[in-house]
Structures are given as structure tokens and as C-alpha cells.
Amino acid sequence: MAKGTGDAGNIVLKLWRPLAFQLISIIGEGGFNALYARSIYLTHATFPWLILADVPCAADVRFTDLKIRLFMCFSGLNYGEGSAT
């Protein structure tokens, strides 16, 4: 189970990144950010721990918070636990 815990975020990112690339080429960065924020909002109803502060525009950090939240959830930690800062 420990291996699956760390892999969950990576699997989700492997799905989101190509989707983001394809959608951004069609609807632009702002359009993708709106769809991404909406999908997180709708998913939050089922998974209350999944809420992101803001959807950043920078492509390299877009999914960082999502990956962290998935890792924390599957590790049984609360968001913010175990952080050095």
C-alpha cells in the first residue's frame, strides 16, 4: 500500500498534464484554468479534503497542490501536517 500511496499523485498528474496540453491548445490557458477550477469545485462535494486555494496560471506549478493533497489524503495525514515550514 505504501507504494500506491506515493503513486496516486503521479498517476493523476500523468492524466492531467496531457489533457491540459491538448485543451490549452484549443481553449487557451484561461479557459483551461476555468475548467480545472470547476472540476476541483465539483469534486470537492464528494471529496471535501480536495479544495485548492487558487488555480495558478504557471504550467509548472498548476498541479502541485493537487499532488500534495492526494499524497496527504492517501498517507492519512491532514494538509499541513509534517511540513517543515
C-alpha atoms as a PDB file:
ATOM      1  CA  MET A   1       0.000   0.000   0.000  1.00  0.00           C
ATOM      2  CA  ALA A   2       2.893   2.395   0.657  1.00  0.00           C
ATOM      3  CA  LYS A   3       3.938   2.288  -2.986  1.00  0.00           C
ATOM      4  CA  GLY A   4       0.363   3.010  -4.114  1.00  0.00           C
ATOM      5  CA  THR A   5       0.214   5.974  -1.751  1.00  0.00           C
ATOM      6  CA  GLY A   6       3.062   7.770  -3.468  1.00  0.00           C
ATOM      7  CA  ASP A   7       1.926   6.761  -6.925  1.00  0.00           C
ATOM      8  CA  ALA A   8      -1.600   8.200  -6.698  1.00  0.00           C
ATOM      9  CA  GLY A   9      -0.467  11.782  -7.250  1.00  0.00           C
ATOM     10  CA  ASN A  10       1.865  10.776 -10.062  1.00  0.00           C
ATOM     11  CA  ILE A  11      -0.882   8.826 -11.816  1.00  0.00           C
ATOM     12  CA  VAL A  12      -3.261  11.763 -11.587  1.00  0.00           C
ATOM     13  CA  LEU A  13      -0.595  14.094 -12.976  1.00  0.00           C
ATOM     14  CA  LYS A  14       0.075  11.726 -15.869  1.00  0.00           C
ATOM     15  CA  LEU A  15      -3.596  12.050 -16.761  1.00  0.00           C
ATOM     16  CA  TRP A  16      -3.968  15.820 -16.220  1.00  0.00           C
ATOM     17  CA  ARG A  17      -0.807  17.026 -17.985  1.00  0.00           C
ATOM     18  CA  PRO A  18      -1.594  15.707 -21.491  1.00  0.00           C
ATOM     19  CA  LEU A  19      -5.211  16.778 -21.077  1.00  0.00           C
ATOM     20  CA  ALA A  20      -4.053  20.266 -20.113  1.00  0.00           C
ATOM     21  CA  PHE A  21      -1.740  20.437 -23.120  1.00  0.00           C
ATOM     22  CA  GLN A  22      -4.498  19.468 -25.541  1.00  0.00           C
ATOM     23  CA  LEU A  23      -7.171  21.707 -24.026  1.00  0.00           C
ATOM     24  CA  ILE A  24      -4.892  24.749 -23.716  1.00  0.00           C
ATOM     25  CA  SER A  25      -4.108  24.480 -27.427  1.00  0.00           C
ATOM     26  CA  ILE A  26      -7.859  24.717 -28.130  1.00  0.00           C
ATOM     27  CA  ILE A  27      -9.350  26.989 -25.441  1.00  0.00           C
ATOM     28  CA  GLY A  28      -6.282  28.765 -24.081  1.00  0.00           C
ATOM     29  CA  GLU A  29      -4.728  28.920 -20.628  1.00  0.00           C
ATOM     30  CA  GLY A  30      -7.560  30.906 -19.076  1.00  0.00           C
ATOM     31  CA  GLY A  31     -10.168  28.523 -20.430  1.00  0.00           C
ATOM     32  CA  PHE A  32      -8.301  25.517 -19.087  1.00  0.00           C
ATOM     33  CA  ASN A  33      -7.824  27.159 -15.687  1.00  0.00           C
ATOM     34  CA  ALA A  34     -11.572  27.790 -15.511  1.00  0.00           C
ATOM     35  CA  LEU A  35     -12.380  24.167 -16.377  1.00  0.00           C
ATOM     36  CA  TYR A  36      -9.774  22.871 -13.928  1.00  0.00           C
ATOM     37  CA  ALA A  37     -11.101  25.074 -11.121  1.00  0.00           C
ATOM     38  CA  ARG A  38     -14.656  23.943 -11.888  1.00  0.00           C
ATOM     39  CA  SER A  39     -13.681  20.269 -11.860  1.00  0.00           C
ATOM     40  CA  ILE A  40     -11.958  20.689  -8.477  1.00  0.00           C
ATOM     41  CA  TYR A  41     -15.022  22.539  -7.163  1.00  0.00           C
ATOM     42  CA  LEU A  42     -17.404  19.791  -8.293  1.00  0.00           C
ATOM     43  CA  THR A  43     -15.122  17.024  -6.991  1.00  0.00           C
ATOM     44  CA  HIS A  44     -14.947  18.776  -3.613  1.00  0.00           C
ATOM     45  CA  ALA A  45     -18.600  17.830  -2.989  1.00  0.00           C
ATOM     46  CA  THR A  46     -17.609  14.163  -2.914  1.00  0.00           C
ATOM     47  CA  PHE A  47     -14.094  14.589  -1.508  1.00  0.00           C
ATOM     48  CA  PRO A  48     -14.161  17.511   0.985  1.00  0.00           C
ATOM     49  CA  TRP A  49     -10.395  17.362   1.553  1.00  0.00           C
ATOM     50  CA  LEU A  50      -9.875  18.297  -2.105  1.00  0.00           C
ATOM     51  CA  ILE A  51     -10.021  22.058  -2.225  1.00  0.00           C
ATOM     52  CA  LEU A  52      -7.332  24.248  -3.723  1.00  0.00           C
ATOM     53  CA  ALA A  53      -6.622  27.807  -2.664  1.00  0.00           C
ATOM     54  CA  ASP A  54      -6.213  29.209  -6.176  1.00  0.00           C
ATOM     55  CA  VAL A  55      -5.572  27.781  -9.602  1.00  0.00           C
ATOM     56  CA  PRO A  56      -2.141  29.132 -10.529  1.00  0.00           C
ATOM     57  CA  CYS A  57      -1.528  30.089 -14.120  1.00  0.00           C
ATOM     58  CA  ALA A  58       2.072  28.868 -14.297  1.00  0.00           C
ATOM     59  CA  ALA A  59       2.109  25.487 -16.045  1.00  0.00           C
ATOM     60  CA  ASP A  60       4.964  24.128 -13.917  1.00  0.00           C
ATOM     61  CA  VAL A  61       3.077  24.634 -10.631  1.00  0.00           C
ATOM     62  CA  ARG A  62      -0.513  24.103 -11.797  1.00  0.00           C
ATOM     63  CA  PHE A  63      -0.906  20.617 -10.316  1.00  0.00           C
ATOM     64  CA  THR A  64       1.483  20.865  -7.359  1.00  0.00           C
ATOM     65  CA  ASP A  65      -1.234  21.492  -4.756  1.00  0.00           C
ATOM     66  CA  LEU A  66      -3.365  18.682  -6.205  1.00  0.00           C
ATOM     67  CA  LYS A  67      -0.453  16.239  -5.956  1.00  0.00           C
ATOM     68  CA  ILE A  68       0.278  17.308  -2.360  1.00  0.00           C
ATOM     69  CA  ARG A  69      -3.365  16.921  -1.324  1.00  0.00           C
ATOM     70  CA  LEU A  70      -3.615  13.483  -2.899  1.00  0.00           C
ATOM     71  CA  PHE A  71      -0.422  12.382  -1.165  1.00  0.00           C
ATOM     72  CA  MET A  72      -1.648  13.685   2.189  1.00  0.00           C
ATOM     73  CA  CYS A  73      -5.034  12.012   1.796  1.00  0.00           C
ATOM     74  CA  PHE A  74      -3.649   8.626   0.826  1.00  0.00           C
ATOM     75  CA  SER A  75      -0.995   8.887   3.549  1.00  0.00           C
ATOM     76  CA  GLY A  76      -3.644   9.538   6.184  1.00  0.00           C
ATOM     77  CA  LEU A  77      -2.249  12.982   7.016  1.00  0.00           C
ATOM     78  CA  ASN A  78      -4.059  16.296   7.271  1.00  0.00           C
ATOM     79  CA  TYR A  79      -2.998  19.038   4.900  1.00  0.00           C
ATOM     80  CA  GLY A  80      -0.177  20.957   6.564  1.00  0.00           C
ATOM     81  CA  GLU A  81       0.964  18.077   8.807  1.00  0.00           C
ATOM     82  CA  GLY A  82       4.562  17.059   8.533  1.00  0.00           C
ATOM     83  CA  SER A  83       5.688  20.183   6.736  1.00  0.00           C
ATOM     84  CA  ALA A  84       8.895  21.803   7.874  1.00  0.00           C
ATOM     85  CA  THR A  85       7.658  25.324   7.112  1.00  0.00           C
END
